[in-house]
C-alpha cells in the first residue's frame, strides 16, 4: 500500500502559516479482509486531502453520501487513524499524541452531531448532560460548573435556564434538543467546532435559527467551524469557504460566492443543479442531473473519479490520468482537466 501511495504523492510545502488546523495530504484507507483473514483491498475513504483553517474561520465540506466527508470529520476528531498524512492542531501533531495529549486535544474541539434524538442520553437531565464533560476534564468546583452550565445555556438561548435545566431530552422539541447538543459542544470553551449535518434532522422552520445560532457563537468566541453537509442551500449562512468532496477527494475549493456563482468542476455544477429552488416559478422547471452513482471506493476508476458520470469528459485524458489541482481563478482550485490550460 505504501508504494501505491508514494506514486500518488508529490512534493508540497507545508510551512507553518499560523493556521489553527492543518490537514496535510491526508489518506484514510480502511483495509478489507475476506472472511476476517485474507486481504481484500482498501476502502479509500479520504484520498490525499489538504487544507488549512485559521481561528475564527468557517468552512463547509459538501458532497453526496459516500464522498468521504464523514470519514474526514471523524479523522479530525481523532476517531479514525490515517495511514498517511498529518493533522496539526494548535501546534499539536495528532500522530504524536499519547492518551493524555489526545484528551487535551479533544477538549479543544466541540462536536455537534446530526441527530439530537440519538446524541443525548435519555436518562440524564440537561444539567447532568452538560455537567459530565466538565467533570471528566477535571473541573472540580460545583459552583464553577454550575455557573458555566448556566452561561452556556443562555448562549444557546435555552432560557429561562430554570425552565430547562432539570428537564430530560424527551421533554424538549427537536430544535431545543439540538441547542443542548450545541451547548455540550461549547461547554469546554473549544477553539474548533465540527458540525455534522447539524440541521438535517430538524424542521425547516428552525433550521435557519440553528445556523444563525452557530454563526453568532462563531463570531462571539472567534471559533473555527467545519460544517459538514450535503445541502449547498445552507452553506452561505456562515461558511466562508466551500470544499466540495467527491469519492474521497476535494474536487473544488473556493470562497462561497465564487463557487455558488462560478462552479468550475462538473460535479459542483451537478450539486448546484440538484439544490432545491426557493423561487416557486423556477421550481417547476425540470433540471437534468448526471446519471449514475458515485464510484466504488474499493476499486475507483482510472483517471478522474468523476469521469464515468461527467457530461464534459475529455476522452483519452479524463478516463486515463488523475488530474492535479488547477487554479484557473485566483484562490479557486479544482481537480478537473477542463482547466489544464488555465
C-alpha atoms as a PDB file:
ATOM      1  CA  UNK A   1       0.000   0.000   0.000  1.00  0.00           C
ATOM      2  CA  UNK A   2       2.860   2.417   0.803  1.00  0.00           C
ATOM      3  CA  UNK A   3       4.242   2.010  -2.719  1.00  0.00           C
ATOM      4  CA  UNK A   4       0.862   2.868  -4.215  1.00  0.00           C
ATOM      5  CA  UNK A   5       0.651   5.993  -2.084  1.00  0.00           C
ATOM      6  CA  UNK A   6       4.174   7.153  -2.857  1.00  0.00           C
ATOM      7  CA  UNK A   7       3.321   7.175  -6.555  1.00  0.00           C
ATOM      8  CA  UNK A   8       0.347   9.449  -5.817  1.00  0.00           C
ATOM      9  CA  UNK A   9       2.171  11.907  -3.583  1.00  0.00           C
ATOM     10  CA  UNK A  10       4.080  14.908  -4.889  1.00  0.00           C
ATOM     11  CA  UNK A  11       6.383  17.301  -3.093  1.00  0.00           C
ATOM     12  CA  UNK A  12       4.443  20.050  -1.361  1.00  0.00           C
ATOM     13  CA  UNK A  13       5.500  22.715   1.121  1.00  0.00           C
ATOM     14  CA  UNK A  14       3.505  22.806   4.347  1.00  0.00           C
ATOM     15  CA  UNK A  15       5.347  25.520   6.250  1.00  0.00           C
ATOM     16  CA  UNK A  16       3.787  26.985   9.377  1.00  0.00           C
ATOM     17  CA  UNK A  17       1.207  29.542   8.273  1.00  0.00           C
ATOM     18  CA  UNK A  18      -0.307  30.333  11.651  1.00  0.00           C
ATOM     19  CA  UNK A  19      -3.341  28.153  10.948  1.00  0.00           C
ATOM     20  CA  UNK A  20      -5.234  26.633  13.870  1.00  0.00           C
ATOM     21  CA  UNK A  21      -5.782  23.399  11.927  1.00  0.00           C
ATOM     22  CA  UNK A  22      -3.607  21.981   9.165  1.00  0.00           C
ATOM     23  CA  UNK A  23      -4.637  18.860   7.274  1.00  0.00           C
ATOM     24  CA  UNK A  24      -1.683  17.677   5.207  1.00  0.00           C
ATOM     25  CA  UNK A  25      -2.036  15.125   2.412  1.00  0.00           C
ATOM     26  CA  UNK A  26      -4.415  13.056   4.489  1.00  0.00           C
ATOM     27  CA  UNK A  27      -5.126   9.461   3.444  1.00  0.00           C
ATOM     28  CA  UNK A  28      -7.681   7.410   5.355  1.00  0.00           C
ATOM     29  CA  UNK A  29      -7.883   3.911   3.864  1.00  0.00           C
ATOM     30  CA  UNK A  30      -9.745   1.068   5.569  1.00  0.00           C
ATOM     31  CA  UNK A  31      -8.468  -2.440   4.946  1.00  0.00           C
ATOM     32  CA  UNK A  32     -10.949  -5.073   3.818  1.00  0.00           C
ATOM     33  CA  UNK A  33     -10.476  -8.695   4.814  1.00  0.00           C
ATOM     34  CA  UNK A  34     -12.045 -11.749   3.230  1.00  0.00           C
ATOM     35  CA  UNK A  35     -13.838 -13.783   5.929  1.00  0.00           C
ATOM     36  CA  UNK A  36     -11.769 -11.930   8.515  1.00  0.00           C
ATOM     37  CA  UNK A  37      -8.409 -13.225   7.297  1.00  0.00           C
ATOM     38  CA  UNK A  38      -7.196 -12.612   3.749  1.00  0.00           C
ATOM     39  CA  UNK A  39      -6.538  -9.123   2.434  1.00  0.00           C
ATOM     40  CA  UNK A  40      -9.306  -7.982   0.060  1.00  0.00           C
ATOM     41  CA  UNK A  41      -8.319  -4.415  -0.758  1.00  0.00           C
ATOM     42  CA  UNK A  42      -8.821  -0.968   0.753  1.00  0.00           C
ATOM     43  CA  UNK A  43     -11.701   1.483   1.018  1.00  0.00           C
ATOM     44  CA  UNK A  44     -10.129   4.815   0.056  1.00  0.00           C
ATOM     45  CA  UNK A  45     -12.449   6.962   2.172  1.00  0.00           C
ATOM     46  CA  UNK A  46     -10.152  10.014   2.181  1.00  0.00           C
ATOM     47  CA  UNK A  47      -7.562  10.151  -0.570  1.00  0.00           C
ATOM     48  CA  UNK A  48      -4.948  12.943  -0.451  1.00  0.00           C
ATOM     49  CA  UNK A  49      -6.858  15.825   1.168  1.00  0.00           C
ATOM     50  CA  UNK A  50      -5.133  19.019   2.296  1.00  0.00           C
ATOM     51  CA  UNK A  51      -6.435  22.285   3.725  1.00  0.00           C
ATOM     52  CA  UNK A  52      -5.889  24.851   6.450  1.00  0.00           C
ATOM     53  CA  UNK A  53      -8.276  26.565   8.847  1.00  0.00           C
ATOM     54  CA  UNK A  54      -7.485  29.650  10.890  1.00  0.00           C
ATOM     55  CA  UNK A  55      -9.084  30.733  14.160  1.00  0.00           C
ATOM     56  CA  UNK A  56     -12.434  32.374  13.544  1.00  0.00           C
ATOM     57  CA  UNK A  57     -12.854  30.928  10.047  1.00  0.00           C
ATOM     58  CA  UNK A  58     -15.684  28.679   8.899  1.00  0.00           C
ATOM     59  CA  UNK A  59     -15.584  26.180   6.043  1.00  0.00           C
ATOM     60  CA  UNK A  60     -18.245  23.910   4.611  1.00  0.00           C
ATOM     61  CA  UNK A  61     -17.391  20.406   3.410  1.00  0.00           C
ATOM     62  CA  UNK A  62     -20.121  19.373   0.988  1.00  0.00           C
ATOM     63  CA  UNK A  63     -20.857  16.309  -1.117  1.00  0.00           C
ATOM     64  CA  UNK A  64     -23.315  13.468  -1.540  1.00  0.00           C
ATOM     65  CA  UNK A  65     -23.424  10.395   0.700  1.00  0.00           C
ATOM     66  CA  UNK A  66     -20.280   8.275   0.426  1.00  0.00           C
ATOM     67  CA  UNK A  67     -17.993  11.102  -0.714  1.00  0.00           C
ATOM     68  CA  UNK A  68     -15.754  10.829   2.377  1.00  0.00           C
ATOM     69  CA  UNK A  69     -16.803  13.918   4.330  1.00  0.00           C
ATOM     70  CA  UNK A  70     -17.810  11.953   7.448  1.00  0.00           C
ATOM     71  CA  UNK A  71     -14.576   9.920   7.389  1.00  0.00           C
ATOM     72  CA  UNK A  72     -12.644  13.184   7.139  1.00  0.00           C
ATOM     73  CA  UNK A  73     -14.598  14.597  10.089  1.00  0.00           C
ATOM     74  CA  UNK A  74     -14.003  11.500  12.244  1.00  0.00           C
ATOM     75  CA  UNK A  75     -10.288  11.605  11.484  1.00  0.00           C
ATOM     76  CA  UNK A  76     -10.095  15.261  12.550  1.00  0.00           C
ATOM     77  CA  UNK A  77     -11.901  14.284  15.763  1.00  0.00           C
ATOM     78  CA  UNK A  78      -9.278  11.597  16.364  1.00  0.00           C
ATOM     79  CA  UNK A  79     -11.683   8.668  15.856  1.00  0.00           C
ATOM     80  CA  UNK A  80     -10.002   7.361  12.684  1.00  0.00           C
ATOM     81  CA  UNK A  81      -6.276   6.798  12.210  1.00  0.00           C
ATOM     82  CA  UNK A  82      -4.881   7.960   8.853  1.00  0.00           C
ATOM     83  CA  UNK A  83      -2.437   5.709   7.040  1.00  0.00           C
ATOM     84  CA  UNK A  84      -0.640   8.694   5.555  1.00  0.00           C
ATOM     85  CA  UNK A  85      -0.508  12.431   6.132  1.00  0.00           C
ATOM     86  CA  UNK A  86      -0.753  14.628   9.208  1.00  0.00           C
ATOM     87  CA  UNK A  87      -3.252  16.637  11.188  1.00  0.00           C
ATOM     88  CA  UNK A  88      -1.740  19.513  13.173  1.00  0.00           C
ATOM     89  CA  UNK A  89      -3.986  21.397  15.591  1.00  0.00           C
ATOM     90  CA  UNK A  90      -2.780  24.394  17.585  1.00  0.00           C
ATOM     91  CA  UNK A  91       0.797  23.137  17.295  1.00  0.00           C
ATOM     92  CA  UNK A  92      -0.082  19.542  18.246  1.00  0.00           C
ATOM     93  CA  UNK A  93       0.511  16.758  15.722  1.00  0.00           C
ATOM     94  CA  UNK A  94      -2.159  14.131  16.310  1.00  0.00           C
ATOM     95  CA  UNK A  95       0.050  11.198  15.351  1.00  0.00           C
ATOM     96  CA  UNK A  96       2.431  12.052  18.199  1.00  0.00           C
ATOM     97  CA  UNK A  97      -0.142  12.465  20.989  1.00  0.00           C
ATOM     98  CA  UNK A  98      -0.394   9.980  23.837  1.00  0.00           C
ATOM     99  CA  UNK A  99      -3.645   9.268  25.673  1.00  0.00           C
ATOM    100  CA  UNK A 100      -3.364  12.376  27.859  1.00  0.00           C
ATOM    101  CA  UNK A 101      -2.475  14.539  24.876  1.00  0.00           C
ATOM    102  CA  UNK A 102      -5.432  13.189  22.894  1.00  0.00           C
ATOM    103  CA  UNK A 103      -7.758  14.007  25.776  1.00  0.00           C
ATOM    104  CA  UNK A 104      -6.430  17.577  25.834  1.00  0.00           C
ATOM    105  CA  UNK A 105      -6.852  17.786  22.072  1.00  0.00           C
ATOM    106  CA  UNK A 106     -10.465  16.599  22.160  1.00  0.00           C
ATOM    107  CA  UNK A 107     -11.291  19.107  24.913  1.00  0.00           C
ATOM    108  CA  UNK A 108     -10.483  21.872  22.412  1.00  0.00           C
ATOM    109  CA  UNK A 109     -12.900  20.540  19.775  1.00  0.00           C
ATOM    110  CA  UNK A 110     -16.670  20.656  20.078  1.00  0.00           C
ATOM    111  CA  UNK A 111     -18.739  18.151  18.120  1.00  0.00           C
ATOM    112  CA  UNK A 112     -22.321  18.867  17.043  1.00  0.00           C
ATOM    113  CA  UNK A 113     -23.996  15.621  15.974  1.00  0.00           C
ATOM    114  CA  UNK A 114     -26.538  15.280  13.211  1.00  0.00           C
ATOM    115  CA  UNK A 115     -29.278  13.580  15.225  1.00  0.00           C
ATOM    116  CA  UNK A 116     -30.060  15.253  18.574  1.00  0.00           C
ATOM    117  CA  UNK A 117     -32.555  12.497  19.410  1.00  0.00           C
ATOM    118  CA  UNK A 118     -29.780   9.901  19.359  1.00  0.00           C
ATOM    119  CA  UNK A 119     -26.976  12.141  20.641  1.00  0.00           C
ATOM    120  CA  UNK A 120     -28.496  12.902  24.053  1.00  0.00           C
ATOM    121  CA  UNK A 121     -28.775  10.167  26.733  1.00  0.00           C
ATOM    122  CA  UNK A 122     -32.487   9.928  27.620  1.00  0.00           C
ATOM    123  CA  UNK A 123     -31.844   9.010  31.278  1.00  0.00           C
ATOM    124  CA  UNK A 124     -29.829  12.177  32.070  1.00  0.00           C
ATOM    125  CA  UNK A 125     -31.161  15.649  32.806  1.00  0.00           C
ATOM    126  CA  UNK A 126     -29.894  18.649  30.837  1.00  0.00           C
ATOM    127  CA  UNK A 127     -27.840  19.659  33.887  1.00  0.00           C
ATOM    128  CA  UNK A 128     -26.181  16.226  34.036  1.00  0.00           C
ATOM    129  CA  UNK A 129     -25.534  16.152  30.275  1.00  0.00           C
ATOM    130  CA  UNK A 130     -23.691  19.480  30.452  1.00  0.00           C
ATOM    131  CA  UNK A 131     -22.009  18.704  33.771  1.00  0.00           C
ATOM    132  CA  UNK A 132     -20.432  15.448  32.608  1.00  0.00           C
ATOM    133  CA  UNK A 133     -17.768  16.926  30.219  1.00  0.00           C
ATOM    134  CA  UNK A 134     -16.683  19.365  32.944  1.00  0.00           C
ATOM    135  CA  UNK A 135     -16.269  16.580  35.499  1.00  0.00           C
ATOM    136  CA  UNK A 136     -14.364  14.371  33.044  1.00  0.00           C
ATOM    137  CA  UNK A 137     -11.993  17.234  32.241  1.00  0.00           C
ATOM    138  CA  UNK A 138     -11.179  17.996  35.861  1.00  0.00           C
ATOM    139  CA  UNK A 139     -13.413  20.942  36.774  1.00  0.00           C
ATOM    140  CA  UNK A 140     -13.944  20.000  40.425  1.00  0.00           C
ATOM    141  CA  UNK A 141     -15.695  23.072  41.832  1.00  0.00           C
ATOM    142  CA  UNK A 142     -19.511  22.504  41.675  1.00  0.00           C
ATOM    143  CA  UNK A 143     -20.145  26.255  41.790  1.00  0.00           C
ATOM    144  CA  UNK A 144     -17.845  26.841  38.818  1.00  0.00           C
ATOM    145  CA  UNK A 145     -19.520  24.036  36.873  1.00  0.00           C
ATOM    146  CA  UNK A 146     -22.999  25.385  37.637  1.00  0.00           C
ATOM    147  CA  UNK A 147     -22.018  28.891  36.508  1.00  0.00           C
ATOM    148  CA  UNK A 148     -20.573  27.558  33.268  1.00  0.00           C
ATOM    149  CA  UNK A 149     -23.670  25.422  32.577  1.00  0.00           C
ATOM    150  CA  UNK A 150     -25.987  28.381  33.089  1.00  0.00           C
ATOM    151  CA  UNK A 151     -23.800  30.637  30.973  1.00  0.00           C
ATOM    152  CA  UNK A 152     -23.716  28.244  28.019  1.00  0.00           C
ATOM    153  CA  UNK A 153     -27.454  27.611  28.237  1.00  0.00           C
ATOM    154  CA  UNK A 154     -28.038  31.353  27.996  1.00  0.00           C
ATOM    155  CA  UNK A 155     -25.712  31.492  24.994  1.00  0.00           C
ATOM    156  CA  UNK A 156     -27.689  28.857  23.096  1.00  0.00           C
ATOM    157  CA  UNK A 157     -30.955  30.550  24.135  1.00  0.00           C
ATOM    158  CA  UNK A 158     -32.297  27.861  26.412  1.00  0.00           C
ATOM    159  CA  UNK A 159     -33.786  30.427  28.720  1.00  0.00           C
ATOM    160  CA  UNK A 160     -35.116  30.992  31.277  1.00  0.00           C
ATOM    161  CA  UNK A 161     -32.499  28.461  32.332  1.00  0.00           C
ATOM    162  CA  UNK A 162     -34.544  27.207  35.289  1.00  0.00           C
ATOM    163  CA  UNK A 163     -37.290  26.124  32.885  1.00  0.00           C
ATOM    164  CA  UNK A 164     -34.909  23.729  31.087  1.00  0.00           C
ATOM    165  CA  UNK A 165     -32.020  22.717  33.317  1.00  0.00           C
ATOM    166  CA  UNK A 166     -33.783  19.891  35.184  1.00  0.00           C
ATOM    167  CA  UNK A 167     -35.719  18.556  32.197  1.00  0.00           C
ATOM    168  CA  UNK A 168     -34.878  15.395  30.247  1.00  0.00           C
ATOM    169  CA  UNK A 169     -34.291  15.338  26.466  1.00  0.00           C
ATOM    170  CA  UNK A 170     -37.691  13.782  25.625  1.00  0.00           C
ATOM    171  CA  UNK A 171     -39.367  16.811  27.212  1.00  0.00           C
ATOM    172  CA  UNK A 172     -37.813  19.168  24.634  1.00  0.00           C
ATOM    173  CA  UNK A 173     -38.585  19.874  20.993  1.00  0.00           C
ATOM    174  CA  UNK A 174     -36.140  18.888  18.241  1.00  0.00           C
ATOM    175  CA  UNK A 175     -34.766  22.418  17.992  1.00  0.00           C
ATOM    176  CA  UNK A 176     -34.330  22.650  21.768  1.00  0.00           C
ATOM    177  CA  UNK A 177     -32.554  19.288  21.829  1.00  0.00           C
ATOM    178  CA  UNK A 178     -30.140  20.495  19.158  1.00  0.00           C
ATOM    179  CA  UNK A 179     -29.450  23.586  21.268  1.00  0.00           C
ATOM    180  CA  UNK A 180     -28.491  21.231  24.124  1.00  0.00           C
ATOM    181  CA  UNK A 181     -26.139  19.388  21.738  1.00  0.00           C
ATOM    182  CA  UNK A 182     -24.560  22.727  20.784  1.00  0.00           C
ATOM    183  CA  UNK A 183     -24.326  23.727  24.456  1.00  0.00           C
ATOM    184  CA  UNK A 184     -22.499  20.469  25.212  1.00  0.00           C
ATOM    185  CA  UNK A 185     -20.100  21.167  22.331  1.00  0.00           C
ATOM    186  CA  UNK A 186     -19.437  24.650  23.764  1.00  0.00           C
ATOM    187  CA  UNK A 187     -19.195  23.742  27.453  1.00  0.00           C
ATOM    188  CA  UNK A 188     -15.379  23.298  27.464  1.00  0.00           C
ATOM    189  CA  UNK A 189     -14.822  26.559  25.517  1.00  0.00           C
ATOM    190  CA  UNK A 190     -13.353  24.890  22.408  1.00  0.00           C
ATOM    191  CA  UNK A 191     -11.358  26.523  19.635  1.00  0.00           C
ATOM    192  CA  UNK A 192     -12.943  24.445  16.864  1.00  0.00           C
ATOM    193  CA  UNK A 193     -16.495  23.228  16.280  1.00  0.00           C
ATOM    194  CA  UNK A 194     -17.176  20.305  13.940  1.00  0.00           C
ATOM    195  CA  UNK A 195     -20.854  20.299  12.958  1.00  0.00           C
ATOM    196  CA  UNK A 196     -22.055  17.176  11.155  1.00  0.00           C
ATOM    197  CA  UNK A 197     -25.259  17.983   9.254  1.00  0.00           C
ATOM    198  CA  UNK A 198     -26.494  19.939  12.315  1.00  0.00           C
ATOM    199  CA  UNK A 199     -29.871  20.901  10.795  1.00  0.00           C
ATOM    200  CA  UNK A 200     -30.759  17.957   8.555  1.00  0.00           C
ATOM    201  CA  UNK A 201     -32.948  16.294  11.235  1.00  0.00           C
ATOM    202  CA  UNK A 202     -34.819  19.495  12.104  1.00  0.00           C
ATOM    203  CA  UNK A 203     -37.984  21.066  10.776  1.00  0.00           C
ATOM    204  CA  UNK A 204     -37.438  23.636   8.033  1.00  0.00           C
ATOM    205  CA  UNK A 205     -38.810  26.364  10.311  1.00  0.00           C
ATOM    206  CA  UNK A 206     -35.940  26.029  12.828  1.00  0.00           C
ATOM    207  CA  UNK A 207     -33.021  25.269  10.502  1.00  0.00           C
ATOM    208  CA  UNK A 208     -32.112  28.890   9.842  1.00  0.00           C
ATOM    209  CA  UNK A 209     -32.406  29.633  13.584  1.00  0.00           C
ATOM    210  CA  UNK A 210     -29.841  26.949  14.441  1.00  0.00           C
ATOM    211  CA  UNK A 211     -27.476  28.063  11.662  1.00  0.00           C
ATOM    212  CA  UNK A 212     -27.734  31.675  12.850  1.00  0.00           C
ATOM    213  CA  UNK A 213     -27.023  30.495  16.396  1.00  0.00           C
ATOM    214  CA  UNK A 214     -23.858  28.741  15.223  1.00  0.00           C
ATOM    215  CA  UNK A 215     -22.848  31.866  13.326  1.00  0.00           C
ATOM    216  CA  UNK A 216     -23.306  34.046  16.423  1.00  0.00           C
ATOM    217  CA  UNK A 217     -21.289  31.633  18.570  1.00  0.00           C
ATOM    218  CA  UNK A 218     -18.556  31.534  15.947  1.00  0.00           C
ATOM    219  CA  UNK A 219     -18.230  35.316  15.936  1.00  0.00           C
ATOM    220  CA  UNK A 220     -18.557  35.890  19.680  1.00  0.00           C
ATOM    221  CA  UNK A 221     -15.991  33.195  20.581  1.00  0.00           C
ATOM    222  CA  UNK A 222     -13.732  33.513  17.498  1.00  0.00           C
ATOM    223  CA  UNK A 223     -14.403  29.849  16.754  1.00  0.00           C
ATOM    224  CA  UNK A 224     -13.154  27.898  13.775  1.00  0.00           C
ATOM    225  CA  UNK A 225     -16.024  25.860  12.300  1.00  0.00           C
ATOM    226  CA  UNK A 226     -16.134  22.857   9.969  1.00  0.00           C
ATOM    227  CA  UNK A 227     -19.675  22.466   8.666  1.00  0.00           C
ATOM    228  CA  UNK A 228     -20.360  19.059   7.110  1.00  0.00           C
ATOM    229  CA  UNK A 229     -23.372  18.997   4.789  1.00  0.00           C
ATOM    230  CA  UNK A 230     -24.812  17.722   1.531  1.00  0.00           C
ATOM    231  CA  UNK A 231     -27.053  20.774   1.135  1.00  0.00           C
ATOM    232  CA  UNK A 232     -25.477  23.686  -0.718  1.00  0.00           C
ATOM    233  CA  UNK A 233     -28.524  25.849   0.017  1.00  0.00           C
ATOM    234  CA  UNK A 234     -27.460  26.252   3.684  1.00  0.00           C
ATOM    235  CA  UNK A 235     -23.725  26.924   3.356  1.00  0.00           C
ATOM    236  CA  UNK A 236     -23.995  30.657   2.729  1.00  0.00           C
ATOM    237  CA  UNK A 237     -25.353  31.324   6.237  1.00  0.00           C
ATOM    238  CA  UNK A 238     -21.986  31.314   7.971  1.00  0.00           C
ATOM    239  CA  UNK A 239     -19.376  29.489   5.862  1.00  0.00           C
ATOM    240  CA  UNK A 240     -16.588  31.461   4.231  1.00  0.00           C
ATOM    241  CA  UNK A 241     -15.179  28.725   2.008  1.00  0.00           C
ATOM    242  CA  UNK A 242     -16.612  25.587   0.428  1.00  0.00           C
ATOM    243  CA  UNK A 243     -14.729  22.333  -0.083  1.00  0.00           C
ATOM    244  CA  UNK A 244     -16.593  20.054  -2.487  1.00  0.00           C
ATOM    245  CA  UNK A 245     -15.736  16.376  -1.917  1.00  0.00           C
ATOM    246  CA  UNK A 246     -16.236  13.538  -4.365  1.00  0.00           C
ATOM    247  CA  UNK A 247     -15.014   9.946  -3.960  1.00  0.00           C
ATOM    248  CA  UNK A 248     -12.561  10.805  -1.180  1.00  0.00           C
ATOM    249  CA  UNK A 249     -11.018  13.859  -2.859  1.00  0.00           C
ATOM    250  CA  UNK A 250     -11.630  17.600  -2.676  1.00  0.00           C
ATOM    251  CA  UNK A 251     -12.810  18.264  -6.218  1.00  0.00           C
ATOM    252  CA  UNK A 252     -13.114  22.029  -5.823  1.00  0.00           C
ATOM    253  CA  UNK A 253     -12.498  24.690  -3.178  1.00  0.00           C
ATOM    254  CA  UNK A 254     -13.056  28.442  -3.098  1.00  0.00           C
ATOM    255  CA  UNK A 255     -14.932  31.148  -1.217  1.00  0.00           C
ATOM    256  CA  UNK A 256     -18.685  30.605  -1.002  1.00  0.00           C
ATOM    257  CA  UNK A 257     -19.888  33.192  -3.532  1.00  0.00           C
ATOM    258  CA  UNK A 258     -17.230  32.171  -6.059  1.00  0.00           C
ATOM    259  CA  UNK A 259     -18.310  28.524  -6.042  1.00  0.00           C
ATOM    260  CA  UNK A 260     -22.032  29.270  -6.000  1.00  0.00           C
ATOM    261  CA  UNK A 261     -21.767  31.756  -8.868  1.00  0.00           C
ATOM    262  CA  UNK A 262     -18.884  30.264 -10.854  1.00  0.00           C
ATOM    263  CA  UNK A 263     -18.536  26.483 -10.326  1.00  0.00           C
ATOM    264  CA  UNK A 264     -15.558  25.066 -12.238  1.00  0.00           C
ATOM    265  CA  UNK A 265     -15.962  21.332 -11.673  1.00  0.00           C
ATOM    266  CA  UNK A 266     -18.825  19.465 -13.403  1.00  0.00           C
ATOM    267  CA  UNK A 267     -19.665  17.719 -10.124  1.00  0.00           C
ATOM    268  CA  UNK A 268     -20.124  21.059  -8.354  1.00  0.00           C
ATOM    269  CA  UNK A 269     -22.402  22.131 -11.189  1.00  0.00           C
ATOM    270  CA  UNK A 270     -24.425  18.946 -10.651  1.00  0.00           C
ATOM    271  CA  UNK A 271     -24.730  19.621  -6.915  1.00  0.00           C
ATOM    272  CA  UNK A 272     -25.957  23.145  -7.571  1.00  0.00           C
ATOM    273  CA  UNK A 273     -28.447  21.855 -10.116  1.00  0.00           C
ATOM    274  CA  UNK A 274     -29.833  19.432  -7.539  1.00  0.00           C
ATOM    275  CA  UNK A 275     -30.169  22.152  -4.884  1.00  0.00           C
ATOM    276  CA  UNK A 276     -33.772  22.995  -4.034  1.00  0.00           C
ATOM    277  CA  UNK A 277     -35.062  26.153  -5.707  1.00  0.00           C
ATOM    278  CA  UNK A 278     -36.674  28.726  -3.375  1.00  0.00           C
ATOM    279  CA  UNK A 279     -38.370  30.511  -6.281  1.00  0.00           C
ATOM    280  CA  UNK A 280     -41.669  28.688  -6.891  1.00  0.00           C
ATOM    281  CA  UNK A 281     -41.740  29.712 -10.572  1.00  0.00           C
ATOM    282  CA  UNK A 282     -38.327  28.208 -11.252  1.00  0.00           C
ATOM    283  CA  UNK A 283     -39.094  25.117  -9.171  1.00  0.00           C
ATOM    284  CA  UNK A 284     -41.375  23.864 -11.945  1.00  0.00           C
ATOM    285  CA  UNK A 285     -38.512  23.797 -14.428  1.00  0.00           C
ATOM    286  CA  UNK A 286     -37.095  20.291 -14.896  1.00  0.00           C
ATOM    287  CA  UNK A 287     -33.384  20.161 -14.171  1.00  0.00           C
ATOM    288  CA  UNK A 288     -31.303  17.381 -15.613  1.00  0.00           C
ATOM    289  CA  UNK A 289     -28.668  15.900 -13.328  1.00  0.00           C
ATOM    290  CA  UNK A 290     -25.834  13.499 -14.253  1.00  0.00           C
ATOM    291  CA  UNK A 291     -26.873   9.842 -14.198  1.00  0.00           C
ATOM    292  CA  UNK A 292     -25.201   7.071 -12.254  1.00  0.00           C
ATOM    293  CA  UNK A 293     -23.846   6.639  -8.746  1.00  0.00           C
ATOM    294  CA  UNK A 294     -20.577   7.580  -7.017  1.00  0.00           C
ATOM    295  CA  UNK A 295     -17.765   5.128  -7.829  1.00  0.00           C
ATOM    296  CA  UNK A 296     -16.643   2.301  -5.599  1.00  0.00           C
ATOM    297  CA  UNK A 297     -14.011   3.486  -3.129  1.00  0.00           C
ATOM    298  CA  UNK A 298     -12.559  -0.036  -3.185  1.00  0.00           C
ATOM    299  CA  UNK A 299     -11.994  -0.081  -6.949  1.00  0.00           C
ATOM    300  CA  UNK A 300     -12.075   3.550  -8.086  1.00  0.00           C
ATOM    301  CA  UNK A 301     -11.993   4.196 -11.840  1.00  0.00           C
ATOM    302  CA  UNK A 302      -8.753   5.095 -13.586  1.00  0.00           C
ATOM    303  CA  UNK A 303      -8.203   8.761 -14.243  1.00  0.00           C
ATOM    304  CA  UNK A 304     -10.638  11.255 -12.771  1.00  0.00           C
ATOM    305  CA  UNK A 305     -13.057   9.630 -10.310  1.00  0.00           C
ATOM    306  CA  UNK A 306     -15.947  11.592 -11.804  1.00  0.00           C
ATOM    307  CA  UNK A 307     -15.353  10.732 -15.474  1.00  0.00           C
ATOM    308  CA  UNK A 308     -17.921   7.841 -15.675  1.00  0.00           C
ATOM    309  CA  UNK A 309     -20.689  10.359 -14.887  1.00  0.00           C
ATOM    310  CA  UNK A 310     -19.206  13.519 -16.389  1.00  0.00           C
ATOM    311  CA  UNK A 311     -21.030  15.123 -19.350  1.00  0.00           C
ATOM    312  CA  UNK A 312     -17.869  17.059 -20.273  1.00  0.00           C
ATOM    313  CA  UNK A 313     -15.382  14.171 -20.355  1.00  0.00           C
ATOM    314  CA  UNK A 314     -12.255  14.540 -22.486  1.00  0.00           C
ATOM    315  CA  UNK A 315     -11.745  11.065 -23.955  1.00  0.00           C
ATOM    316  CA  UNK A 316      -8.227   9.729 -23.639  1.00  0.00           C
ATOM    317  CA  UNK A 317      -7.394  12.107 -20.792  1.00  0.00           C
ATOM    318  CA  UNK A 318     -10.078  12.202 -18.086  1.00  0.00           C
ATOM    319  CA  UNK A 319     -10.501   8.424 -18.239  1.00  0.00           C
ATOM    320  CA  UNK A 320      -6.760   7.698 -18.066  1.00  0.00           C
ATOM    321  CA  UNK A 321      -4.954  10.293 -15.927  1.00  0.00           C
ATOM    322  CA  UNK A 322      -5.730  11.518 -12.424  1.00  0.00           C
ATOM    323  CA  UNK A 323      -5.989  15.340 -12.639  1.00  0.00           C
ATOM    324  CA  UNK A 324      -3.740  17.533 -10.491  1.00  0.00           C
ATOM    325  CA  UNK A 325      -5.047  20.659  -8.783  1.00  0.00           C
ATOM    326  CA  UNK A 326      -5.512  23.598 -11.179  1.00  0.00           C
ATOM    327  CA  UNK A 327      -6.082  27.253 -10.237  1.00  0.00           C
ATOM    328  CA  UNK A 328      -7.883  28.836 -13.217  1.00  0.00           C
ATOM    329  CA  UNK A 329      -9.154  31.667 -10.977  1.00  0.00           C
ATOM    330  CA  UNK A 330      -7.060  33.093  -8.094  1.00  0.00           C
ATOM    331  CA  UNK A 331      -7.767  31.131  -4.893  1.00  0.00           C
ATOM    332  CA  UNK A 332     -10.269  28.927  -6.736  1.00  0.00           C
ATOM    333  CA  UNK A 333      -8.840  25.422  -7.128  1.00  0.00           C
ATOM    334  CA  UNK A 334     -10.262  22.378  -8.870  1.00  0.00           C
ATOM    335  CA  UNK A 335      -9.308  18.829  -9.856  1.00  0.00           C
ATOM    336  CA  UNK A 336     -10.515  18.947 -13.444  1.00  0.00           C
ATOM    337  CA  UNK A 337      -8.742  18.502 -16.797  1.00  0.00           C
ATOM    338  CA  UNK A 338     -11.083  21.069 -18.386  1.00  0.00           C
ATOM    339  CA  UNK A 339      -8.846  23.739 -16.852  1.00  0.00           C
ATOM    340  CA  UNK A 340      -5.474  22.282 -17.810  1.00  0.00           C
ATOM    341  CA  UNK A 341      -4.618  25.304 -19.979  1.00  0.00           C
ATOM    342  CA  UNK A 342      -5.579  27.901 -17.377  1.00  0.00           C
END
